[in-house]
């Protein structure tokens, strides 16, 4: 029997925090019609689906830190997070479907990239949901420590409020220093 895993990342465009990736092997018991790209779901729907997916799949999370992002760049950090998620799966998949057009380097794994896979492949949609919910919770928690940046609302993305806060409050250790506009503020 072919074991297929779907993989997606979240947080590439954020100005703060780690980039997260999830790898998901769906069990037959899951209703695949419920699964959509995480960006097309409300926050509450994502959270409900994330719990449902976790109960009805084999899944793992990988991440790459701000320091790793700054050292190797966001693309390679995203691929590193994906690799970590794939390697953490309790079962080795016979095929790994990855959202996008880049693949992490992992020996002895059959990998295939699928552009807009989060919209086409249920296991990739599931991975996008778990990764987003996991990262959003972590960023919300960080927002309680770093007040005034509104991370509970913008999740570190470059909204007007967030950019204004950076100018007023400065750059934190959570900001990706080599990202524009952060590198201009330093």
Protein backbone atom coordinates (compact mmCIF):
# COMPACT_ATOMS: atom_id res chain seq x y z
CA UNK A 1 0.00 0.00 0.00
CA UNK A 2 1.28 3.43 -0.97
CA UNK A 3 1.74 5.82 1.96
CA UNK A 4 1.41 9.41 0.78
CA UNK A 5 2.40 12.44 2.85
CA UNK A 6 1.51 16.02 2.08
CA UNK A 7 3.81 18.86 3.12
CA UNK A 8 3.37 22.63 3.32
CA UNK A 9 5.03 25.54 5.08
CA UNK A 10 3.74 28.73 6.62
CA UNK A 11 5.33 32.01 7.64
CA UNK A 12 7.65 32.68 4.71
CA UNK A 13 6.40 36.24 4.23
CA UNK A 14 6.23 37.13 7.91
CA UNK A 15 8.69 39.65 9.31
CA UNK A 16 9.08 37.69 12.56
CA UNK A 17 9.59 34.29 14.07
CA UNK A 18 10.37 30.86 12.72
CA UNK A 19 9.00 29.35 9.54
CA UNK A 20 6.91 26.23 10.19
CA UNK A 21 6.16 23.19 8.06
CA UNK A 22 3.85 20.24 8.59
CA UNK A 23 3.90 16.77 7.06
CA UNK A 24 0.64 14.79 7.10
CA UNK A 25 -0.30 11.24 6.18
CA UNK A 26 -4.10 11.08 6.14
CA UNK A 27 -5.94 8.03 7.44
CA UNK A 28 -8.88 6.70 5.44
CA UNK A 29 -11.29 7.80 8.20
CA UNK A 30 -10.87 11.50 7.42
CA UNK A 31 -13.40 13.39 5.31
CA UNK A 32 -11.17 14.84 2.58
CA UNK A 33 -13.95 17.15 1.34
CA UNK A 34 -13.46 19.26 4.48
CA UNK A 35 -9.83 20.00 3.63
CA UNK A 36 -8.94 23.24 1.87
CA UNK A 37 -5.99 25.60 1.64
CA UNK A 38 -5.61 27.14 5.11
CA UNK A 39 -5.72 30.66 3.63
CA UNK A 40 -9.29 30.01 2.45
CA UNK A 41 -10.59 29.11 5.92
CA UNK A 42 -11.54 31.26 8.90
CA UNK A 43 -9.36 31.08 11.99
CA UNK A 44 -12.00 29.16 13.96
CA UNK A 45 -12.56 26.70 11.08
CA UNK A 46 -8.79 26.10 10.80
CA UNK A 47 -8.58 25.36 14.53
CA UNK A 48 -11.47 22.87 14.40
CA UNK A 49 -10.03 21.17 11.31
CA UNK A 50 -6.54 21.08 12.81
CA UNK A 51 -7.83 19.02 15.76
CA UNK A 52 -9.77 16.76 13.38
CA UNK A 53 -6.72 16.24 11.15
CA UNK A 54 -4.47 15.46 14.12
CA UNK A 55 -6.92 12.78 15.31
CA UNK A 56 -7.22 11.26 11.83
CA UNK A 57 -3.67 11.31 10.53
CA UNK A 58 -0.02 10.78 11.19
CA UNK A 59 1.53 14.22 11.36
CA UNK A 60 4.67 16.10 12.34
CA UNK A 61 5.83 19.69 12.60
CA UNK A 62 9.23 21.07 11.62
CA UNK A 63 10.51 24.60 11.96
CA UNK A 64 13.51 26.76 11.20
CA UNK A 65 14.47 29.56 13.58
CA UNK A 66 14.95 33.27 12.93
CA UNK A 67 18.74 32.73 13.14
CA UNK A 68 18.54 29.95 10.55
CA UNK A 69 16.39 32.14 8.29
CA UNK A 70 18.93 34.96 8.54
CA UNK A 71 21.85 32.60 7.93
CA UNK A 72 20.58 30.52 4.98
CA UNK A 73 17.66 32.68 3.66
CA UNK A 74 13.92 32.09 3.85
CA UNK A 75 13.68 29.63 0.94
CA UNK A 76 16.31 27.27 2.35
CA UNK A 77 14.93 27.70 5.87
CA UNK A 78 11.48 26.70 4.56
CA UNK A 79 12.97 23.63 2.92
CA UNK A 80 14.82 22.81 6.15
CA UNK A 81 11.56 23.05 8.12
CA UNK A 82 9.91 20.72 5.57
CA UNK A 83 12.78 18.24 5.83
CA UNK A 84 12.50 18.23 9.63
CA UNK A 85 8.73 17.63 9.48
CA UNK A 86 9.11 14.76 6.98
CA UNK A 87 11.86 13.10 9.03
CA UNK A 88 9.73 13.32 12.22
CA UNK A 89 6.83 11.33 10.75
CA UNK A 90 6.31 8.06 12.63
CA UNK A 91 5.85 6.22 9.30
CA UNK A 92 8.08 6.68 6.29
CA UNK A 93 5.94 7.68 3.30
CA UNK A 94 6.46 6.05 -0.09
CA UNK A 95 5.64 9.40 -1.74
CA UNK A 96 5.90 12.94 -0.37
CA UNK A 97 3.87 15.63 -2.14
CA UNK A 98 5.17 19.13 -1.43
CA UNK A 99 3.39 22.41 -2.08
CA UNK A 100 5.30 24.71 -4.43
CA UNK A 101 8.10 24.22 -6.90
CA UNK A 102 11.07 23.56 -4.60
CA UNK A 103 12.04 20.34 -2.87
CA UNK A 104 14.14 19.78 0.25
CA UNK A 105 17.13 17.51 -0.11
CA UNK A 106 16.39 14.24 1.66
CA UNK A 107 18.07 10.98 0.74
CA UNK A 108 15.94 7.88 0.20
CA UNK A 109 12.62 9.72 -0.06
CA UNK A 110 10.44 9.99 -3.17
CA UNK A 111 9.52 13.70 -3.35
CA UNK A 112 7.31 15.52 -5.82
CA UNK A 113 6.55 19.25 -5.91
CA UNK A 114 3.05 20.42 -6.83
CA UNK A 115 2.36 24.07 -7.59
CA UNK A 116 -0.77 25.17 -5.69
CA UNK A 117 -0.80 21.74 -4.07
CA UNK A 118 -2.52 23.20 -1.01
CA UNK A 119 -5.55 23.80 -3.26
CA UNK A 120 -5.43 20.43 -5.07
CA UNK A 121 -4.17 17.71 -2.73
CA UNK A 122 -6.03 16.97 0.56
CA UNK A 123 -2.89 15.88 2.47
CA UNK A 124 -1.12 19.12 1.50
CA UNK A 125 -4.22 21.12 2.52
CA UNK A 126 -4.16 19.29 5.86
CA UNK A 127 -0.47 20.14 6.28
CA UNK A 128 -1.14 23.81 5.52
CA UNK A 129 -3.89 23.88 8.17
CA UNK A 130 -1.81 22.23 10.91
CA UNK A 131 1.26 24.37 10.14
CA UNK A 132 -0.77 27.61 10.17
CA UNK A 133 -2.64 26.86 13.40
CA UNK A 134 0.60 25.80 15.14
CA UNK A 135 2.54 28.88 14.02
CA UNK A 136 -0.33 31.30 14.73
CA UNK A 137 -0.59 30.00 18.32
CA UNK A 138 3.15 30.46 18.83
CA UNK A 139 3.08 34.00 17.36
CA UNK A 140 0.05 34.93 19.51
CA UNK A 141 2.00 33.77 22.57
CA UNK A 142 5.00 35.87 21.48
CA UNK A 143 2.65 38.84 21.07
CA UNK A 144 1.89 38.72 24.81
CA UNK A 145 5.61 39.08 25.52
CA UNK A 146 6.23 41.77 22.87
CA UNK A 147 3.27 44.07 23.39
CA UNK A 148 2.43 46.82 20.94
CA UNK A 149 3.25 44.98 17.70
CA UNK A 150 -0.27 43.47 17.36
CA UNK A 151 1.11 40.04 16.48
CA UNK A 152 -2.14 38.45 17.69
CA UNK A 153 -3.78 40.20 14.72
CA UNK A 154 -1.07 40.35 12.03
CA UNK A 155 0.98 37.23 12.94
CA UNK A 156 4.13 39.16 12.13
CA UNK A 157 3.21 40.14 8.59
CA UNK A 158 3.97 43.68 7.38
CA UNK A 159 0.65 45.39 8.08
CA UNK A 160 0.51 49.18 8.51
CA UNK A 161 0.03 48.74 12.27
CA UNK A 162 3.01 46.39 12.57
CA UNK A 163 5.29 48.62 10.47
CA UNK A 164 4.27 51.67 12.52
CA UNK A 165 5.01 49.73 15.73
CA UNK A 166 8.47 48.80 14.45
CA UNK A 167 9.24 52.49 13.84
CA UNK A 168 7.92 53.44 17.29
CA UNK A 169 9.09 50.49 19.42
CA UNK A 170 12.06 49.25 17.41
CA UNK A 171 13.16 45.86 16.15
CA UNK A 172 12.98 42.83 18.47
CA UNK A 173 15.08 39.67 18.51
CA UNK A 174 12.07 37.98 16.89
CA UNK A 175 12.29 40.16 13.77
CA UNK A 176 14.09 38.79 10.73
CA UNK A 177 16.86 41.38 10.43
CA UNK A 178 17.67 40.67 6.78
CA UNK A 179 14.05 41.18 5.67
CA UNK A 180 12.98 44.44 4.11
CA UNK A 181 11.83 46.75 5.75
CA UNK A 182 13.48 45.50 8.99
CA UNK A 183 17.02 45.93 7.65
CA UNK A 184 16.23 49.61 6.97
CA UNK A 185 15.09 50.21 10.57
CA UNK A 186 18.05 48.63 12.44
